[in-house]
C-alpha atoms as a PDB file:
ATOM      1  CA  UNK A   1       0.000   0.000   0.000  1.00  0.00           C
ATOM      2  CA  UNK A   2       1.511   3.367  -0.947  1.00  0.00           C
ATOM      3  CA  UNK A   3       1.512   6.407   1.342  1.00  0.00           C
ATOM      4  CA  UNK A   4      -1.571   8.043  -0.209  1.00  0.00           C
ATOM      5  CA  UNK A   5      -3.597   4.831   0.039  1.00  0.00           C
ATOM      6  CA  UNK A   6      -2.496   4.339   3.662  1.00  0.00           C
ATOM      7  CA  UNK A   7      -3.319   7.931   4.518  1.00  0.00           C
ATOM      8  CA  UNK A   8      -6.843   7.695   3.236  1.00  0.00           C
ATOM      9  CA  UNK A   9      -7.231   4.163   4.600  1.00  0.00           C
ATOM     10  CA  UNK A  10      -6.553   5.381   8.129  1.00  0.00           C
ATOM     11  CA  UNK A  11      -9.033   8.229   7.745  1.00  0.00           C
ATOM     12  CA  UNK A  12     -11.730   5.834   6.531  1.00  0.00           C
ATOM     13  CA  UNK A  13     -10.925   3.268   9.224  1.00  0.00           C
ATOM     14  CA  UNK A  14     -11.066   5.952  11.929  1.00  0.00           C
ATOM     15  CA  UNK A  15     -14.429   7.185  10.650  1.00  0.00           C
ATOM     16  CA  UNK A  16     -15.809   3.638  10.418  1.00  0.00           C
ATOM     17  CA  UNK A  17     -14.477   2.477  13.801  1.00  0.00           C
ATOM     18  CA  UNK A  18     -12.210  -0.250  12.422  1.00  0.00           C
ATOM     19  CA  UNK A  19      -9.890  -0.627  15.405  1.00  0.00           C
ATOM     20  CA  UNK A  20      -7.724  -3.444  14.043  1.00  0.00           C
ATOM     21  CA  UNK A  21      -7.176  -1.608  10.754  1.00  0.00           C
ATOM     22  CA  UNK A  22      -6.150   1.599  12.548  1.00  0.00           C
ATOM     23  CA  UNK A  23      -3.836  -0.376  14.854  1.00  0.00           C
ATOM     24  CA  UNK A  24      -2.243  -2.160  11.914  1.00  0.00           C
ATOM     25  CA  UNK A  25      -1.716   1.041   9.942  1.00  0.00           C
ATOM     26  CA  UNK A  26      -0.250   2.846  12.960  1.00  0.00           C
ATOM     27  CA  UNK A  27       2.068  -0.071  13.703  1.00  0.00           C
ATOM     28  CA  UNK A  28       3.314   0.068  10.113  1.00  0.00           C
ATOM     29  CA  UNK A  29       3.681   3.874  10.119  1.00  0.00           C
ATOM     30  CA  UNK A  30       2.903   5.896  13.277  1.00  0.00           C
ATOM     31  CA  UNK A  31       3.162   9.138  11.274  1.00  0.00           C
ATOM     32  CA  UNK A  32      -0.171   8.303   9.637  1.00  0.00           C
ATOM     33  CA  UNK A  33      -1.869   9.618  12.793  1.00  0.00           C
ATOM     34  CA  UNK A  34      -0.740  13.108  11.737  1.00  0.00           C
ATOM     35  CA  UNK A  35      -1.588  12.915   8.020  1.00  0.00           C
ATOM     36  CA  UNK A  36      -4.162  15.396   6.765  1.00  0.00           C
ATOM     37  CA  UNK A  37      -6.769  14.635   4.140  1.00  0.00           C
ATOM     38  CA  UNK A  38      -8.012  17.061   1.476  1.00  0.00           C
ATOM     39  CA  UNK A  39     -10.052  18.954   4.113  1.00  0.00           C
ATOM     40  CA  UNK A  40      -7.098  19.221   6.450  1.00  0.00           C
ATOM     41  CA  UNK A  41      -8.590  16.648   8.797  1.00  0.00           C
ATOM     42  CA  UNK A  42      -6.539  14.122  10.689  1.00  0.00           C
ATOM     43  CA  UNK A  43      -7.832  10.662  11.624  1.00  0.00           C
ATOM     44  CA  UNK A  44      -8.653  12.042  15.109  1.00  0.00           C
ATOM     45  CA  UNK A  45     -11.117  14.492  13.541  1.00  0.00           C
ATOM     46  CA  UNK A  46     -12.881  11.628  11.760  1.00  0.00           C
ATOM     47  CA  UNK A  47     -12.927   9.449  14.875  1.00  0.00           C
ATOM     48  CA  UNK A  48     -14.520  12.326  16.786  1.00  0.00           C
ATOM     49  CA  UNK A  49     -17.101  13.109  14.105  1.00  0.00           C
ATOM     50  CA  UNK A  50     -18.190   9.459  14.201  1.00  0.00           C
ATOM     51  CA  UNK A  51     -17.991   9.198  18.011  1.00  0.00           C
ATOM     52  CA  UNK A  52     -15.437   6.382  17.857  1.00  0.00           C
ATOM     53  CA  UNK A  53     -13.903   6.672  21.327  1.00  0.00           C
ATOM     54  CA  UNK A  54     -11.799   3.517  20.987  1.00  0.00           C
ATOM     55  CA  UNK A  55     -10.182   4.881  17.826  1.00  0.00           C
ATOM     56  CA  UNK A  56      -9.721   8.312  19.404  1.00  0.00           C
ATOM     57  CA  UNK A  57      -7.937   6.669  22.339  1.00  0.00           C
ATOM     58  CA  UNK A  58      -5.547   4.847  19.996  1.00  0.00           C
ATOM     59  CA  UNK A  59      -4.768   8.092  18.187  1.00  0.00           C
ATOM     60  CA  UNK A  60      -4.509  10.152  21.379  1.00  0.00           C
ATOM     61  CA  UNK A  61      -1.908   7.743  22.739  1.00  0.00           C
ATOM     62  CA  UNK A  62       0.376   8.265  19.746  1.00  0.00           C
ATOM     63  CA  UNK A  63       3.626  10.145  20.260  1.00  0.00           C
ATOM     64  CA  UNK A  64       3.215  13.848  19.517  1.00  0.00           C
ATOM     65  CA  UNK A  65      -0.592  13.870  19.817  1.00  0.00           C
ATOM     66  CA  UNK A  66      -1.992  17.414  19.798  1.00  0.00           C
ATOM     67  CA  UNK A  67      -5.511  17.581  21.271  1.00  0.00           C
ATOM     68  CA  UNK A  68      -5.990  21.043  19.754  1.00  0.00           C
ATOM     69  CA  UNK A  69      -4.969  20.252  16.171  1.00  0.00           C
ATOM     70  CA  UNK A  70      -7.208  22.142  13.744  1.00  0.00           C
ATOM     71  CA  UNK A  71      -8.632  21.091  10.408  1.00  0.00           C
ATOM     72  CA  UNK A  72      -8.715  23.601   7.528  1.00  0.00           C
ATOM     73  CA  UNK A  73     -11.837  25.231   9.018  1.00  0.00           C
ATOM     74  CA  UNK A  74     -10.185  25.651  12.399  1.00  0.00           C
ATOM     75  CA  UNK A  75     -12.187  22.871  14.067  1.00  0.00           C
ATOM     76  CA  UNK A  76     -10.453  20.881  16.782  1.00  0.00           C
ATOM     77  CA  UNK A  77     -11.326  17.315  17.758  1.00  0.00           C
ATOM     78  CA  UNK A  78     -13.100  18.676  20.869  1.00  0.00           C
ATOM     79  CA  UNK A  79     -15.247  21.072  18.822  1.00  0.00           C
ATOM     80  CA  UNK A  80     -16.262  18.210  16.584  1.00  0.00           C
ATOM     81  CA  UNK A  81     -16.871  15.812  19.479  1.00  0.00           C
ATOM     82  CA  UNK A  82     -19.250  18.119  21.353  1.00  0.00           C
ATOM     83  CA  UNK A  83     -21.435  18.381  18.250  1.00  0.00           C
ATOM     84  CA  UNK A  84     -22.067  14.610  18.297  1.00  0.00           C
ATOM     85  CA  UNK A  85     -24.781  12.825  20.317  1.00  0.00           C
ATOM     86  CA  UNK A  86     -23.688  10.770  23.336  1.00  0.00           C
ATOM     87  CA  UNK A  87     -20.158  12.162  23.188  1.00  0.00           C
ATOM     88  CA  UNK A  88     -19.401  12.250  26.926  1.00  0.00           C
ATOM     89  CA  UNK A  89     -16.658   9.589  26.899  1.00  0.00           C
ATOM     90  CA  UNK A  90     -14.997  11.128  23.873  1.00  0.00           C
ATOM     91  CA  UNK A  91     -15.108  14.640  25.345  1.00  0.00           C
ATOM     92  CA  UNK A  92     -13.718  13.328  28.636  1.00  0.00           C
ATOM     93  CA  UNK A  93     -10.832  11.654  26.787  1.00  0.00           C
ATOM     94  CA  UNK A  94      -9.957  14.849  24.908  1.00  0.00           C
ATOM     95  CA  UNK A  95     -10.129  16.948  28.069  1.00  0.00           C
ATOM     96  CA  UNK A  96      -7.840  14.499  29.876  1.00  0.00           C
ATOM     97  CA  UNK A  97      -5.396  14.859  26.968  1.00  0.00           C
ATOM     98  CA  UNK A  98      -5.390  18.641  27.500  1.00  0.00           C
ATOM     99  CA  UNK A  99      -7.860  19.933  24.910  1.00  0.00           C
ATOM    100  CA  UNK A 100      -8.471  23.695  25.186  1.00  0.00           C
ATOM    101  CA  UNK A 101     -12.158  24.404  25.834  1.00  0.00           C
ATOM    102  CA  UNK A 102     -11.701  28.078  24.912  1.00  0.00           C
ATOM    103  CA  UNK A 103     -10.124  27.627  21.489  1.00  0.00           C
ATOM    104  CA  UNK A 104     -12.082  29.170  18.606  1.00  0.00           C
ATOM    105  CA  UNK A 105     -12.444  28.062  14.991  1.00  0.00           C
ATOM    106  CA  UNK A 106     -11.884  30.226  11.896  1.00  0.00           C
ATOM    107  CA  UNK A 107     -15.300  31.872  12.406  1.00  0.00           C
ATOM    108  CA  UNK A 108     -14.617  32.725  16.038  1.00  0.00           C
ATOM    109  CA  UNK A 109     -16.911  29.999  17.386  1.00  0.00           C
ATOM    110  CA  UNK A 110     -15.941  28.201  20.574  1.00  0.00           C
END
């Protein structure tokens, strides 16, 4: 699998909650956790938008994890997570990892 295929594979796996696929891809190349897609989203953004706490935990435990990383619209994983139903565990995880509750997106929204 080439780098582009792996990059998009990890985004799709994070969105779909495929834990073993994400684990396998990260074991092969841990840098995939920090690869952006065409919208500037990392796998953590997709895991949060789909409320996949187990995937978010895997990604949050990667070396160099930034809980406040923004996509191209300025949305952080926490901003995305709070917009999802039943997100309490995911929000708790991000807060424990140091997510900034006062950070704003590109439109000034908290």
